[in-house]
C-alpha atoms as a PDB file:
ATOM      1  CA  MET A   1      -8.644  91.053 -15.890  1.00  0.00           C
ATOM      2  CA  LYS A   2      -5.150  90.835 -14.408  1.00  0.00           C
ATOM      3  CA  LEU A   3      -3.742  87.373 -13.651  1.00  0.00           C
ATOM      4  CA  ASN A   4      -1.213  86.696 -10.884  1.00  0.00           C
ATOM      5  CA  VAL A   5      -0.236  83.136 -11.827  1.00  0.00           C
ATOM      6  CA  GLY A   6       1.713  80.934  -9.449  1.00  0.00           C
ATOM      7  CA  CYS A   7       1.165  83.545  -6.759  1.00  0.00           C
ATOM      8  CA  GLY A   8       1.727  81.303  -3.736  1.00  0.00           C
ATOM      9  CA  LYS A   9       1.027  83.458  -0.675  1.00  0.00           C
ATOM     10  CA  ASP A  10       1.629  86.687  -2.644  1.00  0.00           C
ATOM     11  CA  VAL A  11      -2.098  87.364  -3.133  1.00  0.00           C
ATOM     12  CA  ARG A  12      -2.556  90.850  -4.594  1.00  0.00           C
ATOM     13  CA  PRO A  13      -5.638  93.059  -4.729  1.00  0.00           C
ATOM     14  CA  GLY A  14      -6.868  93.814  -8.237  1.00  0.00           C
ATOM     15  CA  TYR A  15      -5.609  90.491  -9.594  1.00  0.00           C
ATOM     16  CA  VAL A  16      -7.092  87.060 -10.128  1.00  0.00           C
ATOM     17  CA  ASN A  17      -4.636  85.189  -7.891  1.00  0.00           C
ATOM     18  CA  VAL A  18      -3.934  81.648  -9.087  1.00  0.00           C
ATOM     19  CA  ASP A  19      -1.839  78.855  -7.596  1.00  0.00           C
ATOM     20  CA  LEU A  20      -1.656  75.079  -7.271  1.00  0.00           C
ATOM     21  CA  HIS A  21      -1.654  75.252  -3.469  1.00  0.00           C
ATOM     22  CA  SER A  22      -4.463  76.828  -1.492  1.00  0.00           C
ATOM     23  CA  ALA A  23      -3.790  80.096   0.320  1.00  0.00           C
ATOM     24  CA  PRO A  24      -5.959  82.617   2.131  1.00  0.00           C
ATOM     25  CA  ASP A  25      -7.826  84.837  -0.354  1.00  0.00           C
ATOM     26  CA  LEU A  26      -6.696  82.736  -3.349  1.00  0.00           C
ATOM     27  CA  ASP A  27      -9.136  83.257  -6.249  1.00  0.00           C
ATOM     28  CA  VAL A  28      -8.414  80.162  -8.362  1.00  0.00           C
ATOM     29  CA  GLN A  29      -6.704  76.932  -7.339  1.00  0.00           C
ATOM     30  CA  CYS A  30      -5.486  74.996 -10.370  1.00  0.00           C
ATOM     31  CA  ASP A  31      -2.505  73.214 -11.850  1.00  0.00           C
ATOM     32  CA  LEU A  32      -0.979  75.743 -14.254  1.00  0.00           C
ATOM     33  CA  SER A  33       1.235  73.067 -15.818  1.00  0.00           C
ATOM     34  CA  LEU A  34      -1.918  71.703 -17.455  1.00  0.00           C
ATOM     35  CA  LEU A  35      -2.650  73.603 -20.648  1.00  0.00           C
ATOM     36  CA  PRO A  36      -4.698  75.354 -21.778  1.00  0.00           C
ATOM     37  CA  TRP A  37      -5.306  77.561 -18.779  1.00  0.00           C
ATOM     38  CA  PRO A  38      -8.974  78.129 -17.886  1.00  0.00           C
ATOM     39  CA  TRP A  39      -9.239  81.569 -19.522  1.00  0.00           C
ATOM     40  CA  ALA A  40     -10.406  82.505 -23.000  1.00  0.00           C
ATOM     41  CA  ASP A  41      -8.164  83.914 -25.721  1.00  0.00           C
ATOM     42  CA  GLY A  42      -7.378  87.611 -25.293  1.00  0.00           C
ATOM     43  CA  GLN A  43      -9.154  87.901 -21.942  1.00  0.00           C
ATOM     44  CA  ALA A  44      -6.320  89.290 -19.763  1.00  0.00           C
ATOM     45  CA  GLU A  45      -4.863  92.773 -19.804  1.00  0.00           C
ATOM     46  CA  GLU A  46      -1.907  91.559 -17.709  1.00  0.00           C
ATOM     47  CA  VAL A  47      -0.244  88.290 -16.761  1.00  0.00           C
ATOM     48  CA  MET A  48       2.174  88.443 -13.844  1.00  0.00           C
ATOM     49  CA  MET A  49       4.504  85.499 -13.145  1.00  0.00           C
ATOM     50  CA  LEU A  50       6.716  86.289 -10.165  1.00  0.00           C
ATOM     51  CA  ASP A  51       9.036  83.451  -9.150  1.00  0.00           C
ATOM     52  CA  PHE A  52       6.954  81.002 -11.210  1.00  0.00           C
ATOM     53  CA  LEU A  53       8.558  80.108 -14.537  1.00  0.00           C
ATOM     54  CA  GLU A  54      11.689  78.588 -12.976  1.00  0.00           C
ATOM     55  CA  HIS A  55       9.544  75.878 -11.328  1.00  0.00           C
ATOM     56  CA  PHE A  56       9.043  74.189 -14.715  1.00  0.00           C
ATOM     57  CA  PRO A  57      11.488  72.342 -16.971  1.00  0.00           C
ATOM     58  CA  TYR A  58      13.248  74.593 -19.474  1.00  0.00           C
ATOM     59  CA  ALA A  59      11.510  72.686 -22.291  1.00  0.00           C
ATOM     60  CA  LYS A  60       8.143  73.897 -20.916  1.00  0.00           C
ATOM     61  CA  THR A  61       9.135  77.609 -21.109  1.00  0.00           C
ATOM     62  CA  ASP A  62       7.951  77.909 -24.706  1.00  0.00           C
ATOM     63  CA  GLU A  63       4.563  76.371 -23.896  1.00  0.00           C
ATOM     64  CA  MET A  64       4.090  78.742 -20.944  1.00  0.00           C
ATOM     65  CA  LEU A  65       4.939  81.806 -23.037  1.00  0.00           C
ATOM     66  CA  VAL A  66       2.582  80.669 -25.810  1.00  0.00           C
ATOM     67  CA  GLU A  67      -0.153  80.327 -23.178  1.00  0.00           C
ATOM     68  CA  CYS A  68       0.563  83.810 -21.821  1.00  0.00           C
ATOM     69  CA  TRP A  69       0.357  85.204 -25.360  1.00  0.00           C
ATOM     70  CA  ARG A  70      -2.946  83.367 -25.916  1.00  0.00           C
ATOM     71  CA  VAL A  71      -4.731  84.719 -22.834  1.00  0.00           C
ATOM     72  CA  LEU A  72      -3.404  88.288 -23.184  1.00  0.00           C
ATOM     73  CA  GLU A  73      -5.348  90.872 -25.158  1.00  0.00           C
ATOM     74  CA  PRO A  74      -3.432  92.690 -27.931  1.00  0.00           C
ATOM     75  CA  GLY A  75      -1.146  95.167 -26.195  1.00  0.00           C
ATOM     76  CA  GLY A  76      -1.469  93.199 -22.931  1.00  0.00           C
ATOM     77  CA  LYS A  77       1.427  93.255 -20.481  1.00  0.00           C
ATOM     78  CA  LEU A  78       3.496  90.278 -19.319  1.00  0.00           C
ATOM     79  CA  ILE A  79       5.582  90.592 -16.141  1.00  0.00           C
ATOM     80  CA  ILE A  80       8.131  87.893 -15.314  1.00  0.00           C
ATOM     81  CA  GLN A  81      10.531  87.551 -12.382  1.00  0.00           C
ATOM     82  CA  VAL A  82      13.022  84.676 -12.281  1.00  0.00           C
ATOM     83  CA  PRO A  83      16.387  83.957 -10.643  1.00  0.00           C
ATOM     84  CA  ASP A  84      19.253  85.570 -12.549  1.00  0.00           C
ATOM     85  CA  GLY A  85      21.433  82.643 -13.636  1.00  0.00           C
ATOM     86  CA  GLU A  86      24.267  84.867 -14.812  1.00  0.00           C
ATOM     87  CA  HIS A  87      24.489  86.744 -11.528  1.00  0.00           C
ATOM     88  CA  LEU A  88      24.158  83.573  -9.451  1.00  0.00           C
ATOM     89  CA  GLY A  89      27.046  82.142 -11.455  1.00  0.00           C
ATOM     90  CA  LYS A  90      29.160  85.105 -10.329  1.00  0.00           C
ATOM     91  CA  ILE A  91      28.355  84.310  -6.691  1.00  0.00           C
ATOM     92  CA  PHE A  92      29.521  80.704  -7.119  1.00  0.00           C
ATOM     93  CA  VAL A  93      32.678  81.652  -9.007  1.00  0.00           C
ATOM     94  CA  ASN A  94      33.384  84.791  -6.899  1.00  0.00           C
ATOM     95  CA  ARG A  95      36.506  85.886  -8.735  1.00  0.00           C
ATOM     96  CA  ASN A  96      37.839  89.405  -8.232  1.00  0.00           C
ATOM     97  CA  SER A  97      37.378  90.145 -11.941  1.00  0.00           C
ATOM     98  CA  VAL A  98      33.716  88.978 -11.947  1.00  0.00           C
ATOM     99  CA  PRO A  99      32.108  90.295  -8.775  1.00  0.00           C
ATOM    100  CA  GLY A 100      28.584  89.560  -7.624  1.00  0.00           C
ATOM    101  CA  MET A 101      26.505  91.499  -5.119  1.00  0.00           C
ATOM    102  CA  CYS A 102      25.760  90.684  -1.500  1.00  0.00           C
ATOM    103  CA  ASN A 103      22.144  89.575  -1.084  1.00  0.00           C
ATOM    104  CA  LYS A 104      21.845  91.428   2.257  1.00  0.00           C
ATOM    105  CA  CYS A 105      23.344  94.857   1.592  1.00  0.00           C
ATOM    106  CA  GLY A 106      23.855  94.977  -2.185  1.00  0.00           C
ATOM    107  CA  SER A 107      27.584  95.672  -1.943  1.00  0.00           C
ATOM    108  CA  VAL A 108      29.914  94.392  -4.603  1.00  0.00           C
ATOM    109  CA  LEU A 109      31.658  91.207  -3.467  1.00  0.00           C
ATOM    110  CA  TRP A 110      35.308  91.670  -4.411  1.00  0.00           C
ATOM    111  CA  ASN A 111      36.366  89.194  -1.758  1.00  0.00           C
ATOM    112  CA  LYS A 112      34.696  86.070  -0.460  1.00  0.00           C
ATOM    113  CA  ASP A 113      33.118  87.684   2.632  1.00  0.00           C
ATOM    114  CA  CYS A 114      31.129  90.916   2.258  1.00  0.00           C
ATOM    115  CA  ASN A 115      33.387  93.819   3.234  1.00  0.00           C
ATOM    116  CA  ASN A 116      30.379  96.043   3.945  1.00  0.00           C
ATOM    117  CA  CYS A 117      27.952  94.036   6.116  1.00  0.00           C
ATOM    118  CA  GLY A 118      30.341  91.239   7.154  1.00  0.00           C
ATOM    119  CA  GLN A 119      28.153  88.415   5.845  1.00  0.00           C
ATOM    120  CA  LYS A 120      30.245  85.253   5.549  1.00  0.00           C
ATOM    121  CA  TYR A 121      30.803  83.646   2.169  1.00  0.00           C
ATOM    122  CA  GLN A 122      29.229  80.371   3.378  1.00  0.00           C
ATOM    123  CA  ASP A 123      25.991  82.241   4.151  1.00  0.00           C
ATOM    124  CA  ILE A 124      26.086  84.006   0.788  1.00  0.00           C
ATOM    125  CA  LEU A 125      26.568  80.653  -0.952  1.00  0.00           C
ATOM    126  CA  ALA A 126      23.697  79.075   1.023  1.00  0.00           C
ATOM    127  CA  ALA A 127      21.396  81.913  -0.036  1.00  0.00           C
ATOM    128  CA  ALA A 128      22.550  81.520  -3.657  1.00  0.00           C
ATOM    129  CA  VAL A 129      21.878  77.767  -3.573  1.00  0.00           C
ATOM    130  CA  ALA A 130      18.349  78.417  -2.250  1.00  0.00           C
ATOM    131  CA  ARG A 131      17.733  81.053  -4.957  1.00  0.00           C
ATOM    132  CA  LEU A 132      19.041  78.756  -7.670  1.00  0.00           C
ATOM    133  CA  PHE A 133      17.313  75.535  -6.577  1.00  0.00           C
ATOM    134  CA  GLY A 134      14.308  76.816  -4.586  1.00  0.00           C
ATOM    135  CA  GLY A 135      13.486  76.487  -0.920  1.00  0.00           C
ATOM    136  CA  GLN A 136      12.646  72.768  -1.251  1.00  0.00           C
ATOM    137  CA  ASP A 137      10.549  73.054   1.911  1.00  0.00           C
ATOM    138  CA  TYR A 138       7.266  71.824   0.401  1.00  0.00           C
ATOM    139  CA  PRO A 139       6.252  69.870  -2.728  1.00  0.00           C
ATOM    140  CA  GLY A 140       6.817  71.901  -5.872  1.00  0.00           C
ATOM    141  CA  ASN A 141       9.123  74.459  -4.238  1.00  0.00           C
ATOM    142  CA  TRP A 142      12.172  73.599  -6.279  1.00  0.00           C
ATOM    143  CA  HIS A 143      13.556  75.229  -9.381  1.00  0.00           C
ATOM    144  CA  GLN A 144      14.025  73.268 -12.568  1.00  0.00           C
ATOM    145  CA  THR A 145      15.576  75.912 -14.814  1.00  0.00           C
ATOM    146  CA  VAL A 146      17.517  79.140 -14.804  1.00  0.00           C
ATOM    147  CA  PHE A 147      17.399  82.183 -17.068  1.00  0.00           C
ATOM    148  CA  THR A 148      19.566  85.058 -18.218  1.00  0.00           C
ATOM    149  CA  ARG A 149      18.516  88.363 -19.752  1.00  0.00           C
ATOM    150  CA  ASP A 150      19.566  87.130 -23.193  1.00  0.00           C
ATOM    151  CA  ILE A 151      17.565  83.909 -22.905  1.00  0.00           C
ATOM    152  CA  LEU A 152      14.425  85.751 -21.757  1.00  0.00           C
ATOM    153  CA  THR A 153      14.700  88.408 -24.462  1.00  0.00           C
ATOM    154  CA  SER A 154      15.114  85.789 -27.174  1.00  0.00           C
ATOM    155  CA  LYS A 155      12.207  83.678 -25.930  1.00  0.00           C
ATOM    156  CA  LEU A 156       9.856  86.648 -25.486  1.00  0.00           C
ATOM    157  CA  GLU A 157      10.560  88.081 -28.930  1.00  0.00           C
ATOM    158  CA  PHE A 158      10.230  84.665 -30.571  1.00  0.00           C
ATOM    159  CA  HIS A 159       6.786  84.221 -29.001  1.00  0.00           C
ATOM    160  CA  GLY A 160       5.309  87.509 -30.171  1.00  0.00           C
ATOM    161  CA  PHE A 161       6.233  89.937 -27.398  1.00  0.00           C
ATOM    162  CA  THR A 162       7.780  93.360 -27.910  1.00  0.00           C
ATOM    163  CA  GLY A 163       8.977  96.267 -25.774  1.00  0.00           C
ATOM    164  CA  VAL A 164      11.089  94.004 -23.564  1.00  0.00           C
ATOM    165  CA  GLU A 165      12.205  96.072 -20.573  1.00  0.00           C
ATOM    166  CA  PHE A 166      14.293  94.936 -17.617  1.00  0.00           C
ATOM    167  CA  LEU A 167      13.468  96.566 -14.282  1.00  0.00           C
ATOM    168  CA  GLU A 168      16.328  97.421 -11.949  1.00  0.00           C
ATOM    169  CA  PHE A 169      14.520  97.815  -8.605  1.00  0.00           C
ATOM    170  CA  ASN A 170      11.881  95.852  -6.702  1.00  0.00           C
ATOM    171  CA  GLU A 171       8.992  97.246  -4.654  1.00  0.00           C
ATOM    172  CA  ASN A 172      11.323  97.651  -1.626  1.00  0.00           C
ATOM    173  CA  GLY A 173      13.842  99.755  -3.547  1.00  0.00           C
ATOM    174  CA  GLU A 174      16.402  96.944  -3.579  1.00  0.00           C
ATOM    175  CA  THR A 175      18.173  96.187  -6.831  1.00  0.00           C
ATOM    176  CA  TYR A 176      17.194  92.969  -8.548  1.00  0.00           C
ATOM    177  CA  TYR A 177      20.881  92.111  -8.655  1.00  0.00           C
ATOM    178  CA  GLN A 178      20.921  92.317  -4.876  1.00  0.00           C
ATOM    179  CA  ASN A 179      18.134  89.735  -4.770  1.00  0.00           C
ATOM    180  CA  TRP A 180      19.679  87.805  -7.659  1.00  0.00           C
ATOM    181  CA  ASN A 181      16.533  88.256  -9.769  1.00  0.00           C
ATOM    182  CA  ILE A 182      15.670  89.302 -13.272  1.00  0.00           C
ATOM    183  CA  LYS A 183      12.388  91.177 -13.611  1.00  0.00           C
ATOM    184  CA  VAL A 184      11.174  91.905 -17.114  1.00  0.00           C
ATOM    185  CA  THR A 185       8.073  93.349 -18.731  1.00  0.00           C
ATOM    186  CA  ALA A 186       6.955  92.830 -22.322  1.00  0.00           C
ATOM    187  CA  VAL A 187       3.870  93.572 -24.418  1.00  0.00           C
ATOM    188  CA  LYS A 188       1.884  91.258 -26.668  1.00  0.00           C
ATOM    189  CA  LYS A 189       2.193  92.395 -30.282  1.00  0.00           C
ATOM    190  CA  ASP A 190      -1.076  93.357 -31.915  1.00  0.00           C
ATOM    191  CA  LEU A 191      -0.334  91.053 -34.834  1.00  0.00           C
ATOM    192  CA  TRP A 192       1.611  87.838 -34.626  1.00  0.00           C
END
């Protein structure tokens, strides 16, 4: 079984798609903040959490990772995508020595406006605010925490995951930096 937890409208074939809010073709509607999740120990070969973990307080991160470890079979794969706090910080600071990337074209932002696509700095900042704090357009669509690669690596390793690998491109061929995301995969250790 492959779990797509907190899927929202991103319902994927081949997965058990789970979210708090109902959506067409959703498989399971439940509150994933309530633990334990409704699956037995070692039942899942994969747990995917895209744009999910940041919706919970930072203090709940450990509990969520413990729950992922519990439901995954030994050698099971965990996939996480969260906003990249370090890169978003670069967008807000926008100093010439610490450039970020334009969210529309992926160009390096050496100046306030994008020299490549012409996007104005105010629009870039608005997009960064939405990525950092969530869309806030319906209940639960706000972000309560932010992550960096170092934080995720440390948390994953502490909770019994190995083979931490950061992916550089999304399904559309865009860099995760361009979308101000971190996407990481890790594997549940056979022995804790």
